[in-house]
């Protein structure tokens, strides 16, 4: 069950509309989480789930970052993070191999 949130203490629901007029904020009772939905999406209005406790500026920033027009930047950031993790894991493996040599 979804409950649309039209008013909140930090005006998150109104600020989402500044990003895109089709956005609206709901509370998913089953999951116990806030979600952003879009009335323009065909088939399913779901956009994203708020990963943070409560409502604050972080949800606004996350919504901006994950917009479809930012896909290139988002994918580049993911690739960069994955490369860093891969390098870190490779270094750990090399260190473990060095420690196990007699």
C-alpha atoms as a PDB file:
ATOM      1  CA  UNK A   1       0.000   0.000   0.000  1.00  0.00           C
ATOM      2  CA  UNK A   2       1.324   3.416  -1.015  1.00  0.00           C
ATOM      3  CA  UNK A   3       0.395   6.656   0.731  1.00  0.00           C
ATOM      4  CA  UNK A   4       1.122   9.843  -1.202  1.00  0.00           C
ATOM      5  CA  UNK A   5       2.961  12.466   0.851  1.00  0.00           C
ATOM      6  CA  UNK A   6       1.946  15.964  -0.170  1.00  0.00           C
ATOM      7  CA  UNK A   7       3.301  17.861   2.852  1.00  0.00           C
ATOM      8  CA  UNK A   8       6.388  17.163   4.920  1.00  0.00           C
ATOM      9  CA  UNK A   9       8.550  19.221   7.301  1.00  0.00           C
ATOM     10  CA  UNK A  10      11.417  19.736   4.806  1.00  0.00           C
ATOM     11  CA  UNK A  11       9.217  20.307   1.741  1.00  0.00           C
ATOM     12  CA  UNK A  12      10.762  17.262   0.039  1.00  0.00           C
ATOM     13  CA  UNK A  13       7.561  16.492  -1.885  1.00  0.00           C
ATOM     14  CA  UNK A  14       7.475  20.047  -3.293  1.00  0.00           C
ATOM     15  CA  UNK A  15      11.220  20.107  -3.999  1.00  0.00           C
ATOM     16  CA  UNK A  16      10.907  16.898  -6.035  1.00  0.00           C
ATOM     17  CA  UNK A  17       8.487  18.749  -8.298  1.00  0.00           C
ATOM     18  CA  UNK A  18      11.200  21.389  -8.863  1.00  0.00           C
ATOM     19  CA  UNK A  19      13.340  18.612 -10.361  1.00  0.00           C
ATOM     20  CA  UNK A  20      10.502  17.170 -12.445  1.00  0.00           C
ATOM     21  CA  UNK A  21       6.802  18.051 -12.308  1.00  0.00           C
ATOM     22  CA  UNK A  22       5.867  14.392 -12.723  1.00  0.00           C
ATOM     23  CA  UNK A  23       7.634  13.307  -9.502  1.00  0.00           C
ATOM     24  CA  UNK A  24       5.652  12.568  -6.386  1.00  0.00           C
ATOM     25  CA  UNK A  25       6.565  11.158  -2.996  1.00  0.00           C
ATOM     26  CA  UNK A  26       4.911   8.140  -1.400  1.00  0.00           C
ATOM     27  CA  UNK A  27       5.363   6.084   1.740  1.00  0.00           C
ATOM     28  CA  UNK A  28       5.384   2.348   1.057  1.00  0.00           C
ATOM     29  CA  UNK A  29       3.636   0.892   4.109  1.00  0.00           C
ATOM     30  CA  UNK A  30       4.774  -2.674   3.393  1.00  0.00           C
ATOM     31  CA  UNK A  31       8.468  -1.752   3.069  1.00  0.00           C
ATOM     32  CA  UNK A  32       8.361   1.081   5.603  1.00  0.00           C
ATOM     33  CA  UNK A  33      10.251   3.300   3.147  1.00  0.00           C
ATOM     34  CA  UNK A  34       9.698   6.506   1.193  1.00  0.00           C
ATOM     35  CA  UNK A  35       9.725   6.200  -2.598  1.00  0.00           C
ATOM     36  CA  UNK A  36       9.866   8.615  -5.501  1.00  0.00           C
ATOM     37  CA  UNK A  37       7.441   7.920  -8.347  1.00  0.00           C
ATOM     38  CA  UNK A  38       6.789   9.591 -11.691  1.00  0.00           C
ATOM     39  CA  UNK A  39       3.399   9.980 -13.319  1.00  0.00           C
ATOM     40  CA  UNK A  40       5.082  10.085 -16.773  1.00  0.00           C
ATOM     41  CA  UNK A  41       6.499   6.576 -16.655  1.00  0.00           C
ATOM     42  CA  UNK A  42       4.492   4.085 -18.658  1.00  0.00           C
ATOM     43  CA  UNK A  43       3.559   0.855 -16.932  1.00  0.00           C
ATOM     44  CA  UNK A  44       5.194   1.529 -13.573  1.00  0.00           C
ATOM     45  CA  UNK A  45       5.558   4.850 -11.784  1.00  0.00           C
ATOM     46  CA  UNK A  46       8.364   3.707  -9.435  1.00  0.00           C
ATOM     47  CA  UNK A  47      11.668   5.620  -9.707  1.00  0.00           C
ATOM     48  CA  UNK A  48      13.667   4.992  -6.538  1.00  0.00           C
ATOM     49  CA  UNK A  49      13.515   4.133  -2.847  1.00  0.00           C
ATOM     50  CA  UNK A  50      14.913   6.482  -0.237  1.00  0.00           C
ATOM     51  CA  UNK A  51      17.889   4.573   1.248  1.00  0.00           C
ATOM     52  CA  UNK A  52      18.152   6.971   4.195  1.00  0.00           C
ATOM     53  CA  UNK A  53      16.247   7.170   7.458  1.00  0.00           C
ATOM     54  CA  UNK A  54      13.634   9.909   7.208  1.00  0.00           C
ATOM     55  CA  UNK A  55      13.344  12.650   4.626  1.00  0.00           C
ATOM     56  CA  UNK A  56      16.085  15.186   3.995  1.00  0.00           C
ATOM     57  CA  UNK A  57      18.266  16.846   1.329  1.00  0.00           C
ATOM     58  CA  UNK A  58      20.013  13.557   0.512  1.00  0.00           C
ATOM     59  CA  UNK A  59      16.877  12.241  -1.202  1.00  0.00           C
ATOM     60  CA  UNK A  60      16.745  15.371  -3.371  1.00  0.00           C
ATOM     61  CA  UNK A  61      20.408  14.934  -4.360  1.00  0.00           C
ATOM     62  CA  UNK A  62      19.970  11.215  -5.062  1.00  0.00           C
ATOM     63  CA  UNK A  63      16.942  11.958  -7.236  1.00  0.00           C
ATOM     64  CA  UNK A  64      18.908  14.537  -9.232  1.00  0.00           C
ATOM     65  CA  UNK A  65      21.872  12.200  -9.675  1.00  0.00           C
ATOM     66  CA  UNK A  66      19.811   9.255 -10.881  1.00  0.00           C
ATOM     67  CA  UNK A  67      17.787  11.093 -13.534  1.00  0.00           C
ATOM     68  CA  UNK A  68      17.982   9.482 -16.975  1.00  0.00           C
ATOM     69  CA  UNK A  69      19.786  12.457 -18.531  1.00  0.00           C
ATOM     70  CA  UNK A  70      22.649  11.852 -16.065  1.00  0.00           C
ATOM     71  CA  UNK A  71      23.142   8.217 -17.107  1.00  0.00           C
ATOM     72  CA  UNK A  72      26.573   8.774 -18.702  1.00  0.00           C
ATOM     73  CA  UNK A  73      27.974  10.459 -15.606  1.00  0.00           C
ATOM     74  CA  UNK A  74      26.385   7.858 -13.330  1.00  0.00           C
ATOM     75  CA  UNK A  75      27.806   4.941 -15.328  1.00  0.00           C
ATOM     76  CA  UNK A  76      31.236   6.597 -15.417  1.00  0.00           C
ATOM     77  CA  UNK A  77      31.144   6.979 -11.636  1.00  0.00           C
ATOM     78  CA  UNK A  78      30.132   3.331 -11.205  1.00  0.00           C
ATOM     79  CA  UNK A  79      32.953   2.224 -13.524  1.00  0.00           C
ATOM     80  CA  UNK A  80      35.440   4.363 -11.589  1.00  0.00           C
ATOM     81  CA  UNK A  81      34.304   2.907  -8.251  1.00  0.00           C
ATOM     82  CA  UNK A  82      34.490  -0.632  -9.654  1.00  0.00           C
ATOM     83  CA  UNK A  83      38.027  -0.019 -10.946  1.00  0.00           C
ATOM     84  CA  UNK A  84      39.110   1.228  -7.508  1.00  0.00           C
ATOM     85  CA  UNK A  85      37.592  -1.827  -5.834  1.00  0.00           C
ATOM     86  CA  UNK A  86      39.246  -4.157  -8.335  1.00  0.00           C
ATOM     87  CA  UNK A  87      42.633  -2.516  -7.745  1.00  0.00           C
ATOM     88  CA  UNK A  88      42.180  -2.757  -3.970  1.00  0.00           C
ATOM     89  CA  UNK A  89      41.207  -6.439  -4.221  1.00  0.00           C
ATOM     90  CA  UNK A  90      44.174  -7.173  -6.468  1.00  0.00           C
ATOM     91  CA  UNK A  91      46.532  -5.554  -3.955  1.00  0.00           C
ATOM     92  CA  UNK A  92      45.013  -7.602  -1.120  1.00  0.00           C
ATOM     93  CA  UNK A  93      45.428 -10.817  -3.106  1.00  0.00           C
ATOM     94  CA  UNK A  94      49.058  -9.982  -3.867  1.00  0.00           C
ATOM     95  CA  UNK A  95      49.706  -9.257  -0.182  1.00  0.00           C
ATOM     96  CA  UNK A  96      48.087 -12.560   0.824  1.00  0.00           C
ATOM     97  CA  UNK A  97      50.169 -14.429  -1.738  1.00  0.00           C
ATOM     98  CA  UNK A  98      53.352 -12.763  -0.409  1.00  0.00           C
ATOM     99  CA  UNK A  99      52.461 -13.674   3.185  1.00  0.00           C
ATOM    100  CA  UNK A 100      51.914 -17.328   2.291  1.00  0.00           C
ATOM    101  CA  UNK A 101      55.307 -17.750   0.574  1.00  0.00           C
ATOM    102  CA  UNK A 102      57.949 -19.684   2.571  1.00  0.00           C
END
